PDBML (XML) file of the C-alpha atoms, coordinates in Angstrom:
<?xml version="1.0" encoding="UTF-8" ?>
<PDBx:datablock datablockName="MODEL"
   xmlns:PDBx="http://pdbml.pdb.org/schema/pdbx-v50.xsd"
   xmlns:xsi="http://www.w3.org/2001/XMLSchema-instance"
   xsi:schemaLocation="http://pdbml.pdb.org/schema/pdbx-v50.xsd pdbx-v50.xsd">
   <PDBx:atom_siteCategory>
      <PDBx:atom_site id="1">
         <PDBx:B_iso_or_equiv>0.00</PDBx:B_iso_or_equiv>
         <PDBx:Cartn_x>102.458</PDBx:Cartn_x>
         <PDBx:Cartn_y>94.439</PDBx:Cartn_y>
         <PDBx:Cartn_z>121.165</PDBx:Cartn_z>
         <PDBx:auth_asym_id>A</PDBx:auth_asym_id>
         <PDBx:auth_atom_id>CA</PDBx:auth_atom_id>
         <PDBx:auth_comp_id>GLY</PDBx:auth_comp_id>
         <PDBx:auth_seq_id>1</PDBx:auth_seq_id>
         <PDBx:group_PDB>ATOM</PDBx:group_PDB>
         <PDBx:label_alt_id xsi:nil="true" />
         <PDBx:label_asym_id>A</PDBx:label_asym_id>
         <PDBx:label_atom_id>CA</PDBx:label_atom_id>
         <PDBx:label_comp_id>GLY</PDBx:label_comp_id>
         <PDBx:label_entity_id>1</PDBx:label_entity_id>
         <PDBx:label_seq_id>1</PDBx:label_seq_id>
         <PDBx:occupancy>1.00</PDBx:occupancy>
         <PDBx:pdbx_PDB_model_num>1</PDBx:pdbx_PDB_model_num>
         <PDBx:type_symbol>C</PDBx:type_symbol>
      </PDBx:atom_site>
      <PDBx:atom_site id="2">
         <PDBx:B_iso_or_equiv>0.00</PDBx:B_iso_or_equiv>
         <PDBx:Cartn_x>103.619</PDBx:Cartn_x>
         <PDBx:Cartn_y>97.707</PDBx:Cartn_y>
         <PDBx:Cartn_z>119.584</PDBx:Cartn_z>
         <PDBx:auth_asym_id>A</PDBx:auth_asym_id>
         <PDBx:auth_atom_id>CA</PDBx:auth_atom_id>
         <PDBx:auth_comp_id>LYS</PDBx:auth_comp_id>
         <PDBx:auth_seq_id>2</PDBx:auth_seq_id>
         <PDBx:group_PDB>ATOM</PDBx:group_PDB>
         <PDBx:label_alt_id xsi:nil="true" />
         <PDBx:label_asym_id>A</PDBx:label_asym_id>
         <PDBx:label_atom_id>CA</PDBx:label_atom_id>
         <PDBx:label_comp_id>LYS</PDBx:label_comp_id>
         <PDBx:label_entity_id>1</PDBx:label_entity_id>
         <PDBx:label_seq_id>2</PDBx:label_seq_id>
         <PDBx:occupancy>1.00</PDBx:occupancy>
         <PDBx:pdbx_PDB_model_num>1</PDBx:pdbx_PDB_model_num>
         <PDBx:type_symbol>C</PDBx:type_symbol>
      </PDBx:atom_site>
      <PDBx:atom_site id="3">
         <PDBx:B_iso_or_equiv>0.00</PDBx:B_iso_or_equiv>
         <PDBx:Cartn_x>103.498</PDBx:Cartn_x>
         <PDBx:Cartn_y>96.489</PDBx:Cartn_y>
         <PDBx:Cartn_z>115.980</PDBx:Cartn_z>
         <PDBx:auth_asym_id>A</PDBx:auth_asym_id>
         <PDBx:auth_atom_id>CA</PDBx:auth_atom_id>
         <PDBx:auth_comp_id>THR</PDBx:auth_comp_id>
         <PDBx:auth_seq_id>3</PDBx:auth_seq_id>
         <PDBx:group_PDB>ATOM</PDBx:group_PDB>
         <PDBx:label_alt_id xsi:nil="true" />
         <PDBx:label_asym_id>A</PDBx:label_asym_id>
         <PDBx:label_atom_id>CA</PDBx:label_atom_id>
         <PDBx:label_comp_id>THR</PDBx:label_comp_id>
         <PDBx:label_entity_id>1</PDBx:label_entity_id>
         <PDBx:label_seq_id>3</PDBx:label_seq_id>
         <PDBx:occupancy>1.00</PDBx:occupancy>
         <PDBx:pdbx_PDB_model_num>1</PDBx:pdbx_PDB_model_num>
         <PDBx:type_symbol>C</PDBx:type_symbol>
      </PDBx:atom_site>
      <PDBx:atom_site id="4">
         <PDBx:B_iso_or_equiv>0.00</PDBx:B_iso_or_equiv>
         <PDBx:Cartn_x>100.429</PDBx:Cartn_x>
         <PDBx:Cartn_y>94.351</PDBx:Cartn_y>
         <PDBx:Cartn_z>116.684</PDBx:Cartn_z>
         <PDBx:auth_asym_id>A</PDBx:auth_asym_id>
         <PDBx:auth_atom_id>CA</PDBx:auth_atom_id>
         <PDBx:auth_comp_id>THR</PDBx:auth_comp_id>
         <PDBx:auth_seq_id>4</PDBx:auth_seq_id>
         <PDBx:group_PDB>ATOM</PDBx:group_PDB>
         <PDBx:label_alt_id xsi:nil="true" />
         <PDBx:label_asym_id>A</PDBx:label_asym_id>
         <PDBx:label_atom_id>CA</PDBx:label_atom_id>
         <PDBx:label_comp_id>THR</PDBx:label_comp_id>
         <PDBx:label_entity_id>1</PDBx:label_entity_id>
         <PDBx:label_seq_id>4</PDBx:label_seq_id>
         <PDBx:occupancy>1.00</PDBx:occupancy>
         <PDBx:pdbx_PDB_model_num>1</PDBx:pdbx_PDB_model_num>
         <PDBx:type_symbol>C</PDBx:type_symbol>
      </PDBx:atom_site>
      <PDBx:atom_site id="5">
         <PDBx:B_iso_or_equiv>0.00</PDBx:B_iso_or_equiv>
         <PDBx:Cartn_x>98.483</PDBx:Cartn_x>
         <PDBx:Cartn_y>97.336</PDBx:Cartn_y>
         <PDBx:Cartn_z>117.978</PDBx:Cartn_z>
         <PDBx:auth_asym_id>A</PDBx:auth_asym_id>
         <PDBx:auth_atom_id>CA</PDBx:auth_atom_id>
         <PDBx:auth_comp_id>LEU</PDBx:auth_comp_id>
         <PDBx:auth_seq_id>5</PDBx:auth_seq_id>
         <PDBx:group_PDB>ATOM</PDBx:group_PDB>
         <PDBx:label_alt_id xsi:nil="true" />
         <PDBx:label_asym_id>A</PDBx:label_asym_id>
         <PDBx:label_atom_id>CA</PDBx:label_atom_id>
         <PDBx:label_comp_id>LEU</PDBx:label_comp_id>
         <PDBx:label_entity_id>1</PDBx:label_entity_id>
         <PDBx:label_seq_id>5</PDBx:label_seq_id>
         <PDBx:occupancy>1.00</PDBx:occupancy>
         <PDBx:pdbx_PDB_model_num>1</PDBx:pdbx_PDB_model_num>
         <PDBx:type_symbol>C</PDBx:type_symbol>
      </PDBx:atom_site>
      <PDBx:atom_site id="6">
         <PDBx:B_iso_or_equiv>0.00</PDBx:B_iso_or_equiv>
         <PDBx:Cartn_x>99.529</PDBx:Cartn_x>
         <PDBx:Cartn_y>99.347</PDBx:Cartn_y>
         <PDBx:Cartn_z>114.919</PDBx:Cartn_z>
         <PDBx:auth_asym_id>A</PDBx:auth_asym_id>
         <PDBx:auth_atom_id>CA</PDBx:auth_atom_id>
         <PDBx:auth_comp_id>ALA</PDBx:auth_comp_id>
         <PDBx:auth_seq_id>6</PDBx:auth_seq_id>
         <PDBx:group_PDB>ATOM</PDBx:group_PDB>
         <PDBx:label_alt_id xsi:nil="true" />
         <PDBx:label_asym_id>A</PDBx:label_asym_id>
         <PDBx:label_atom_id>CA</PDBx:label_atom_id>
         <PDBx:label_comp_id>ALA</PDBx:label_comp_id>
         <PDBx:label_entity_id>1</PDBx:label_entity_id>
         <PDBx:label_seq_id>6</PDBx:label_seq_id>
         <PDBx:occupancy>1.00</PDBx:occupancy>
         <PDBx:pdbx_PDB_model_num>1</PDBx:pdbx_PDB_model_num>
         <PDBx:type_symbol>C</PDBx:type_symbol>
      </PDBx:atom_site>
      <PDBx:atom_site id="7">
         <PDBx:B_iso_or_equiv>0.00</PDBx:B_iso_or_equiv>
         <PDBx:Cartn_x>98.163</PDBx:Cartn_x>
         <PDBx:Cartn_y>96.580</PDBx:Cartn_y>
         <PDBx:Cartn_z>112.666</PDBx:Cartn_z>
         <PDBx:auth_asym_id>A</PDBx:auth_asym_id>
         <PDBx:auth_atom_id>CA</PDBx:auth_atom_id>
         <PDBx:auth_comp_id>LYS</PDBx:auth_comp_id>
         <PDBx:auth_seq_id>7</PDBx:auth_seq_id>
         <PDBx:group_PDB>ATOM</PDBx:group_PDB>
         <PDBx:label_alt_id xsi:nil="true" />
         <PDBx:label_asym_id>A</PDBx:label_asym_id>
         <PDBx:label_atom_id>CA</PDBx:label_atom_id>
         <PDBx:label_comp_id>LYS</PDBx:label_comp_id>
         <PDBx:label_entity_id>1</PDBx:label_entity_id>
         <PDBx:label_seq_id>7</PDBx:label_seq_id>
         <PDBx:occupancy>1.00</PDBx:occupancy>
         <PDBx:pdbx_PDB_model_num>1</PDBx:pdbx_PDB_model_num>
         <PDBx:type_symbol>C</PDBx:type_symbol>
      </PDBx:atom_site>
      <PDBx:atom_site id="8">
         <PDBx:B_iso_or_equiv>0.00</PDBx:B_iso_or_equiv>
         <PDBx:Cartn_x>94.919</PDBx:Cartn_x>
         <PDBx:Cartn_y>96.511</PDBx:Cartn_y>
         <PDBx:Cartn_z>114.656</PDBx:Cartn_z>
         <PDBx:auth_asym_id>A</PDBx:auth_asym_id>
         <PDBx:auth_atom_id>CA</PDBx:auth_atom_id>
         <PDBx:auth_comp_id>ILE</PDBx:auth_comp_id>
         <PDBx:auth_seq_id>8</PDBx:auth_seq_id>
         <PDBx:group_PDB>ATOM</PDBx:group_PDB>
         <PDBx:label_alt_id xsi:nil="true" />
         <PDBx:label_asym_id>A</PDBx:label_asym_id>
         <PDBx:label_atom_id>CA</PDBx:label_atom_id>
         <PDBx:label_comp_id>ILE</PDBx:label_comp_id>
         <PDBx:label_entity_id>1</PDBx:label_entity_id>
         <PDBx:label_seq_id>8</PDBx:label_seq_id>
         <PDBx:occupancy>1.00</PDBx:occupancy>
         <PDBx:pdbx_PDB_model_num>1</PDBx:pdbx_PDB_model_num>
         <PDBx:type_symbol>C</PDBx:type_symbol>
      </PDBx:atom_site>
      <PDBx:atom_site id="9">
         <PDBx:B_iso_or_equiv>0.00</PDBx:B_iso_or_equiv>
         <PDBx:Cartn_x>94.617</PDBx:Cartn_x>
         <PDBx:Cartn_y>100.241</PDBx:Cartn_y>
         <PDBx:Cartn_z>114.033</PDBx:Cartn_z>
         <PDBx:auth_asym_id>A</PDBx:auth_asym_id>
         <PDBx:auth_atom_id>CA</PDBx:auth_atom_id>
         <PDBx:auth_comp_id>ILE</PDBx:auth_comp_id>
         <PDBx:auth_seq_id>9</PDBx:auth_seq_id>
         <PDBx:group_PDB>ATOM</PDBx:group_PDB>
         <PDBx:label_alt_id xsi:nil="true" />
         <PDBx:label_asym_id>A</PDBx:label_asym_id>
         <PDBx:label_atom_id>CA</PDBx:label_atom_id>
         <PDBx:label_comp_id>ILE</PDBx:label_comp_id>
         <PDBx:label_entity_id>1</PDBx:label_entity_id>
         <PDBx:label_seq_id>9</PDBx:label_seq_id>
         <PDBx:occupancy>1.00</PDBx:occupancy>
         <PDBx:pdbx_PDB_model_num>1</PDBx:pdbx_PDB_model_num>
         <PDBx:type_symbol>C</PDBx:type_symbol>
      </PDBx:atom_site>
      <PDBx:atom_site id="10">
         <PDBx:B_iso_or_equiv>0.00</PDBx:B_iso_or_equiv>
         <PDBx:Cartn_x>95.211</PDBx:Cartn_x>
         <PDBx:Cartn_y>99.552</PDBx:Cartn_y>
         <PDBx:Cartn_z>110.338</PDBx:Cartn_z>
         <PDBx:auth_asym_id>A</PDBx:auth_asym_id>
         <PDBx:auth_atom_id>CA</PDBx:auth_atom_id>
         <PDBx:auth_comp_id>ALA</PDBx:auth_comp_id>
         <PDBx:auth_seq_id>10</PDBx:auth_seq_id>
         <PDBx:group_PDB>ATOM</PDBx:group_PDB>
         <PDBx:label_alt_id xsi:nil="true" />
         <PDBx:label_asym_id>A</PDBx:label_asym_id>
         <PDBx:label_atom_id>CA</PDBx:label_atom_id>
         <PDBx:label_comp_id>ALA</PDBx:label_comp_id>
         <PDBx:label_entity_id>1</PDBx:label_entity_id>
         <PDBx:label_seq_id>10</PDBx:label_seq_id>
         <PDBx:occupancy>1.00</PDBx:occupancy>
         <PDBx:pdbx_PDB_model_num>1</PDBx:pdbx_PDB_model_num>
         <PDBx:type_symbol>C</PDBx:type_symbol>
      </PDBx:atom_site>
      <PDBx:atom_site id="11">
         <PDBx:B_iso_or_equiv>0.00</PDBx:B_iso_or_equiv>
         <PDBx:Cartn_x>92.321</PDBx:Cartn_x>
         <PDBx:Cartn_y>97.058</PDBx:Cartn_y>
         <PDBx:Cartn_z>110.349</PDBx:Cartn_z>
         <PDBx:auth_asym_id>A</PDBx:auth_asym_id>
         <PDBx:auth_atom_id>CA</PDBx:auth_atom_id>
         <PDBx:auth_comp_id>ASN</PDBx:auth_comp_id>
         <PDBx:auth_seq_id>11</PDBx:auth_seq_id>
         <PDBx:group_PDB>ATOM</PDBx:group_PDB>
         <PDBx:label_alt_id xsi:nil="true" />
         <PDBx:label_asym_id>A</PDBx:label_asym_id>
         <PDBx:label_atom_id>CA</PDBx:label_atom_id>
         <PDBx:label_comp_id>ASN</PDBx:label_comp_id>
         <PDBx:label_entity_id>1</PDBx:label_entity_id>
         <PDBx:label_seq_id>11</PDBx:label_seq_id>
         <PDBx:occupancy>1.00</PDBx:occupancy>
         <PDBx:pdbx_PDB_model_num>1</PDBx:pdbx_PDB_model_num>
         <PDBx:type_symbol>C</PDBx:type_symbol>
      </PDBx:atom_site>
      <PDBx:atom_site id="12">
         <PDBx:B_iso_or_equiv>0.00</PDBx:B_iso_or_equiv>
         <PDBx:Cartn_x>89.902</PDBx:Cartn_x>
         <PDBx:Cartn_y>99.381</PDBx:Cartn_y>
         <PDBx:Cartn_z>112.142</PDBx:Cartn_z>
         <PDBx:auth_asym_id>A</PDBx:auth_asym_id>
         <PDBx:auth_atom_id>CA</PDBx:auth_atom_id>
         <PDBx:auth_comp_id>THR</PDBx:auth_comp_id>
         <PDBx:auth_seq_id>12</PDBx:auth_seq_id>
         <PDBx:group_PDB>ATOM</PDBx:group_PDB>
         <PDBx:label_alt_id xsi:nil="true" />
         <PDBx:label_asym_id>A</PDBx:label_asym_id>
         <PDBx:label_atom_id>CA</PDBx:label_atom_id>
         <PDBx:label_comp_id>THR</PDBx:label_comp_id>
         <PDBx:label_entity_id>1</PDBx:label_entity_id>
         <PDBx:label_seq_id>12</PDBx:label_seq_id>
         <PDBx:occupancy>1.00</PDBx:occupancy>
         <PDBx:pdbx_PDB_model_num>1</PDBx:pdbx_PDB_model_num>
         <PDBx:type_symbol>C</PDBx:type_symbol>
      </PDBx:atom_site>
      <PDBx:atom_site id="13">
         <PDBx:B_iso_or_equiv>0.00</PDBx:B_iso_or_equiv>
         <PDBx:Cartn_x>90.638</PDBx:Cartn_x>
         <PDBx:Cartn_y>102.892</PDBx:Cartn_y>
         <PDBx:Cartn_z>110.890</PDBx:Cartn_z>
         <PDBx:auth_asym_id>A</PDBx:auth_asym_id>
         <PDBx:auth_atom_id>CA</PDBx:auth_atom_id>
         <PDBx:auth_comp_id>THR</PDBx:auth_comp_id>
         <PDBx:auth_seq_id>13</PDBx:auth_seq_id>
         <PDBx:group_PDB>ATOM</PDBx:group_PDB>
         <PDBx:label_alt_id xsi:nil="true" />
         <PDBx:label_asym_id>A</PDBx:label_asym_id>
         <PDBx:label_atom_id>CA</PDBx:label_atom_id>
         <PDBx:label_comp_id>THR</PDBx:label_comp_id>
         <PDBx:label_entity_id>1</PDBx:label_entity_id>
         <PDBx:label_seq_id>13</PDBx:label_seq_id>
         <PDBx:occupancy>1.00</PDBx:occupancy>
         <PDBx:pdbx_PDB_model_num>1</PDBx:pdbx_PDB_model_num>
         <PDBx:type_symbol>C</PDBx:type_symbol>
      </PDBx:atom_site>
      <PDBx:atom_site id="14">
         <PDBx:B_iso_or_equiv>0.00</PDBx:B_iso_or_equiv>
         <PDBx:Cartn_x>88.841</PDBx:Cartn_x>
         <PDBx:Cartn_y>104.688</PDBx:Cartn_y>
         <PDBx:Cartn_z>108.070</PDBx:Cartn_z>
         <PDBx:auth_asym_id>A</PDBx:auth_asym_id>
         <PDBx:auth_atom_id>CA</PDBx:auth_atom_id>
         <PDBx:auth_comp_id>ASN</PDBx:auth_comp_id>
         <PDBx:auth_seq_id>14</PDBx:auth_seq_id>
         <PDBx:group_PDB>ATOM</PDBx:group_PDB>
         <PDBx:label_alt_id xsi:nil="true" />
         <PDBx:label_asym_id>A</PDBx:label_asym_id>
         <PDBx:label_atom_id>CA</PDBx:label_atom_id>
         <PDBx:label_comp_id>ASN</PDBx:label_comp_id>
         <PDBx:label_entity_id>1</PDBx:label_entity_id>
         <PDBx:label_seq_id>14</PDBx:label_seq_id>
         <PDBx:occupancy>1.00</PDBx:occupancy>
         <PDBx:pdbx_PDB_model_num>1</PDBx:pdbx_PDB_model_num>
         <PDBx:type_symbol>C</PDBx:type_symbol>
      </PDBx:atom_site>
      <PDBx:atom_site id="15">
         <PDBx:B_iso_or_equiv>0.00</PDBx:B_iso_or_equiv>
         <PDBx:Cartn_x>92.054</PDBx:Cartn_x>
         <PDBx:Cartn_y>106.561</PDBx:Cartn_y>
         <PDBx:Cartn_z>107.321</PDBx:Cartn_z>
         <PDBx:auth_asym_id>A</PDBx:auth_asym_id>
         <PDBx:auth_atom_id>CA</PDBx:auth_atom_id>
         <PDBx:auth_comp_id>ASN</PDBx:auth_comp_id>
         <PDBx:auth_seq_id>15</PDBx:auth_seq_id>
         <PDBx:group_PDB>ATOM</PDBx:group_PDB>
         <PDBx:label_alt_id xsi:nil="true" />
         <PDBx:label_asym_id>A</PDBx:label_asym_id>
         <PDBx:label_atom_id>CA</PDBx:label_atom_id>
         <PDBx:label_comp_id>ASN</PDBx:label_comp_id>
         <PDBx:label_entity_id>1</PDBx:label_entity_id>
         <PDBx:label_seq_id>15</PDBx:label_seq_id>
         <PDBx:occupancy>1.00</PDBx:occupancy>
         <PDBx:pdbx_PDB_model_num>1</PDBx:pdbx_PDB_model_num>
         <PDBx:type_symbol>C</PDBx:type_symbol>
      </PDBx:atom_site>
      <PDBx:atom_site id="16">
         <PDBx:B_iso_or_equiv>0.00</PDBx:B_iso_or_equiv>
         <PDBx:Cartn_x>94.698</PDBx:Cartn_x>
         <PDBx:Cartn_y>105.350</PDBx:Cartn_y>
         <PDBx:Cartn_z>104.928</PDBx:Cartn_z>
         <PDBx:auth_asym_id>A</PDBx:auth_asym_id>
         <PDBx:auth_atom_id>CA</PDBx:auth_atom_id>
         <PDBx:auth_comp_id>ASN</PDBx:auth_comp_id>
         <PDBx:auth_seq_id>16</PDBx:auth_seq_id>
         <PDBx:group_PDB>ATOM</PDBx:group_PDB>
         <PDBx:label_alt_id xsi:nil="true" />
         <PDBx:label_asym_id>A</PDBx:label_asym_id>
         <PDBx:label_atom_id>CA</PDBx:label_atom_id>
         <PDBx:label_comp_id>ASN</PDBx:label_comp_id>
         <PDBx:label_entity_id>1</PDBx:label_entity_id>
         <PDBx:label_seq_id>16</PDBx:label_seq_id>
         <PDBx:occupancy>1.00</PDBx:occupancy>
         <PDBx:pdbx_PDB_model_num>1</PDBx:pdbx_PDB_model_num>
         <PDBx:type_symbol>C</PDBx:type_symbol>
      </PDBx:atom_site>
      <PDBx:atom_site id="17">
         <PDBx:B_iso_or_equiv>0.00</PDBx:B_iso_or_equiv>
         <PDBx:Cartn_x>97.341</PDBx:Cartn_x>
         <PDBx:Cartn_y>103.235</PDBx:Cartn_y>
         <PDBx:Cartn_z>106.592</PDBx:Cartn_z>
         <PDBx:auth_asym_id>A</PDBx:auth_asym_id>
         <PDBx:auth_atom_id>CA</PDBx:auth_atom_id>
         <PDBx:auth_comp_id>PHE</PDBx:auth_comp_id>
         <PDBx:auth_seq_id>17</PDBx:auth_seq_id>
         <PDBx:group_PDB>ATOM</PDBx:group_PDB>
         <PDBx:label_alt_id xsi:nil="true" />
         <PDBx:label_asym_id>A</PDBx:label_asym_id>
         <PDBx:label_atom_id>CA</PDBx:label_atom_id>
         <PDBx:label_comp_id>PHE</PDBx:label_comp_id>
         <PDBx:label_entity_id>1</PDBx:label_entity_id>
         <PDBx:label_seq_id>17</PDBx:label_seq_id>
         <PDBx:occupancy>1.00</PDBx:occupancy>
         <PDBx:pdbx_PDB_model_num>1</PDBx:pdbx_PDB_model_num>
         <PDBx:type_symbol>C</PDBx:type_symbol>
      </PDBx:atom_site>
      <PDBx:atom_site id="18">
         <PDBx:B_iso_or_equiv>0.00</PDBx:B_iso_or_equiv>
         <PDBx:Cartn_x>100.890</PDBx:Cartn_x>
         <PDBx:Cartn_y>102.857</PDBx:Cartn_y>
         <PDBx:Cartn_z>105.358</PDBx:Cartn_z>
         <PDBx:auth_asym_id>A</PDBx:auth_asym_id>
         <PDBx:auth_atom_id>CA</PDBx:auth_atom_id>
         <PDBx:auth_comp_id>THR</PDBx:auth_comp_id>
         <PDBx:auth_seq_id>18</PDBx:auth_seq_id>
         <PDBx:group_PDB>ATOM</PDBx:group_PDB>
         <PDBx:label_alt_id xsi:nil="true" />
         <PDBx:label_asym_id>A</PDBx:label_asym_id>
         <PDBx:label_atom_id>CA</PDBx:label_atom_id>
         <PDBx:label_comp_id>THR</PDBx:label_comp_id>
         <PDBx:label_entity_id>1</PDBx:label_entity_id>
         <PDBx:label_seq_id>18</PDBx:label_seq_id>
         <PDBx:occupancy>1.00</PDBx:occupancy>
         <PDBx:pdbx_PDB_model_num>1</PDBx:pdbx_PDB_model_num>
         <PDBx:type_symbol>C</PDBx:type_symbol>
      </PDBx:atom_site>
      <PDBx:atom_site id="19">
         <PDBx:B_iso_or_equiv>0.00</PDBx:B_iso_or_equiv>
         <PDBx:Cartn_x>104.179</PDBx:Cartn_x>
         <PDBx:Cartn_y>101.778</PDBx:Cartn_y>
         <PDBx:Cartn_z>106.900</PDBx:Cartn_z>
         <PDBx:auth_asym_id>A</PDBx:auth_asym_id>
         <PDBx:auth_atom_id>CA</PDBx:auth_atom_id>
         <PDBx:auth_comp_id>THR</PDBx:auth_comp_id>
         <PDBx:auth_seq_id>19</PDBx:auth_seq_id>
         <PDBx:group_PDB>ATOM</PDBx:group_PDB>
         <PDBx:label_alt_id xsi:nil="true" />
         <PDBx:label_asym_id>A</PDBx:label_asym_id>
         <PDBx:label_atom_id>CA</PDBx:label_atom_id>
         <PDBx:label_comp_id>THR</PDBx:label_comp_id>
         <PDBx:label_entity_id>1</PDBx:label_entity_id>
         <PDBx:label_seq_id>19</PDBx:label_seq_id>
         <PDBx:occupancy>1.00</PDBx:occupancy>
         <PDBx:pdbx_PDB_model_num>1</PDBx:pdbx_PDB_model_num>
         <PDBx:type_symbol>C</PDBx:type_symbol>
      </PDBx:atom_site>
      <PDBx:atom_site id="20">
         <PDBx:B_iso_or_equiv>0.00</PDBx:B_iso_or_equiv>
         <PDBx:Cartn_x>107.912</PDBx:Cartn_x>
         <PDBx:Cartn_y>102.435</PDBx:Cartn_y>
         <PDBx:Cartn_z>106.901</PDBx:Cartn_z>
         <PDBx:auth_asym_id>A</PDBx:auth_asym_id>
         <PDBx:auth_atom_id>CA</PDBx:auth_atom_id>
         <PDBx:auth_comp_id>LEU</PDBx:auth_comp_id>
         <PDBx:auth_seq_id>20</PDBx:auth_seq_id>
         <PDBx:group_PDB>ATOM</PDBx:group_PDB>
         <PDBx:label_alt_id xsi:nil="true" />
         <PDBx:label_asym_id>A</PDBx:label_asym_id>
         <PDBx:label_atom_id>CA</PDBx:label_atom_id>
         <PDBx:label_comp_id>LEU</PDBx:label_comp_id>
         <PDBx:label_entity_id>1</PDBx:label_entity_id>
         <PDBx:label_seq_id>20</PDBx:label_seq_id>
         <PDBx:occupancy>1.00</PDBx:occupancy>
         <PDBx:pdbx_PDB_model_num>1</PDBx:pdbx_PDB_model_num>
         <PDBx:type_symbol>C</PDBx:type_symbol>
      </PDBx:atom_site>
      <PDBx:atom_site id="21">
         <PDBx:B_iso_or_equiv>0.00</PDBx:B_iso_or_equiv>
         <PDBx:Cartn_x>110.763</PDBx:Cartn_x>
         <PDBx:Cartn_y>100.602</PDBx:Cartn_y>
         <PDBx:Cartn_z>108.570</PDBx:Cartn_z>
         <PDBx:auth_asym_id>A</PDBx:auth_asym_id>
         <PDBx:auth_atom_id>CA</PDBx:auth_atom_id>
         <PDBx:auth_comp_id>ASN</PDBx:auth_comp_id>
         <PDBx:auth_seq_id>21</PDBx:auth_seq_id>
         <PDBx:group_PDB>ATOM</PDBx:group_PDB>
         <PDBx:label_alt_id xsi:nil="true" />
         <PDBx:label_asym_id>A</PDBx:label_asym_id>
         <PDBx:label_atom_id>CA</PDBx:label_atom_id>
         <PDBx:label_comp_id>ASN</PDBx:label_comp_id>
         <PDBx:label_entity_id>1</PDBx:label_entity_id>
         <PDBx:label_seq_id>21</PDBx:label_seq_id>
         <PDBx:occupancy>1.00</PDBx:occupancy>
         <PDBx:pdbx_PDB_model_num>1</PDBx:pdbx_PDB_model_num>
         <PDBx:type_symbol>C</PDBx:type_symbol>
      </PDBx:atom_site>
      <PDBx:atom_site id="22">
         <PDBx:B_iso_or_equiv>0.00</PDBx:B_iso_or_equiv>
         <PDBx:Cartn_x>113.394</PDBx:Cartn_x>
         <PDBx:Cartn_y>103.039</PDBx:Cartn_y>
         <PDBx:Cartn_z>109.785</PDBx:Cartn_z>
         <PDBx:auth_asym_id>A</PDBx:auth_asym_id>
         <PDBx:auth_atom_id>CA</PDBx:auth_atom_id>
         <PDBx:auth_comp_id>ALA</PDBx:auth_comp_id>
         <PDBx:auth_seq_id>22</PDBx:auth_seq_id>
         <PDBx:group_PDB>ATOM</PDBx:group_PDB>
         <PDBx:label_alt_id xsi:nil="true" />
         <PDBx:label_asym_id>A</PDBx:label_asym_id>
         <PDBx:label_atom_id>CA</PDBx:label_atom_id>
         <PDBx:label_comp_id>ALA</PDBx:label_comp_id>
         <PDBx:label_entity_id>1</PDBx:label_entity_id>
         <PDBx:label_seq_id>22</PDBx:label_seq_id>
         <PDBx:occupancy>1.00</PDBx:occupancy>
         <PDBx:pdbx_PDB_model_num>1</PDBx:pdbx_PDB_model_num>
         <PDBx:type_symbol>C</PDBx:type_symbol>
      </PDBx:atom_site>
      <PDBx:atom_site id="23">
         <PDBx:B_iso_or_equiv>0.00</PDBx:B_iso_or_equiv>
         <PDBx:Cartn_x>116.158</PDBx:Cartn_x>
         <PDBx:Cartn_y>100.475</PDBx:Cartn_y>
         <PDBx:Cartn_z>109.278</PDBx:Cartn_z>
         <PDBx:auth_asym_id>A</PDBx:auth_asym_id>
         <PDBx:auth_atom_id>CA</PDBx:auth_atom_id>
         <PDBx:auth_comp_id>VAL</PDBx:auth_comp_id>
         <PDBx:auth_seq_id>23</PDBx:auth_seq_id>
         <PDBx:group_PDB>ATOM</PDBx:group_PDB>
         <PDBx:label_alt_id xsi:nil="true" />
         <PDBx:label_asym_id>A</PDBx:label_asym_id>
         <PDBx:label_atom_id>CA</PDBx:label_atom_id>
         <PDBx:label_comp_id>VAL</PDBx:label_comp_id>
         <PDBx:label_entity_id>1</PDBx:label_entity_id>
         <PDBx:label_seq_id>23</PDBx:label_seq_id>
         <PDBx:occupancy>1.00</PDBx:occupancy>
         <PDBx:pdbx_PDB_model_num>1</PDBx:pdbx_PDB_model_num>
         <PDBx:type_symbol>C</PDBx:type_symbol>
      </PDBx:atom_site>
      <PDBx:atom_site id="24">
         <PDBx:B_iso_or_equiv>0.00</PDBx:B_iso_or_equiv>
         <PDBx:Cartn_x>115.619</PDBx:Cartn_x>
         <PDBx:Cartn_y>100.159</PDBx:Cartn_y>
         <PDBx:Cartn_z>105.532</PDBx:Cartn_z>
         <PDBx:auth_asym_id>A</PDBx:auth_asym_id>
         <PDBx:auth_atom_id>CA</PDBx:auth_atom_id>
         <PDBx:auth_comp_id>THR</PDBx:auth_comp_id>
         <PDBx:auth_seq_id>24</PDBx:auth_seq_id>
         <PDBx:group_PDB>ATOM</PDBx:group_PDB>
         <PDBx:label_alt_id xsi:nil="true" />
         <PDBx:label_asym_id>A</PDBx:label_asym_id>
         <PDBx:label_atom_id>CA</PDBx:label_atom_id>
         <PDBx:label_comp_id>THR</PDBx:label_comp_id>
         <PDBx:label_entity_id>1</PDBx:label_entity_id>
         <PDBx:label_seq_id>24</PDBx:label_seq_id>
         <PDBx:occupancy>1.00</PDBx:occupancy>
         <PDBx:pdbx_PDB_model_num>1</PDBx:pdbx_PDB_model_num>
         <PDBx:type_symbol>C</PDBx:type_symbol>
      </PDBx:atom_site>
   </PDBx:atom_siteCategory>
</PDBx:datablock>
């Protein structure tokens, strides 16, 4: 659930939300 929880935060936060994948 690590990524899932991050996406839930993205849906609920009033802050900007952006992502990076360390592999790429």
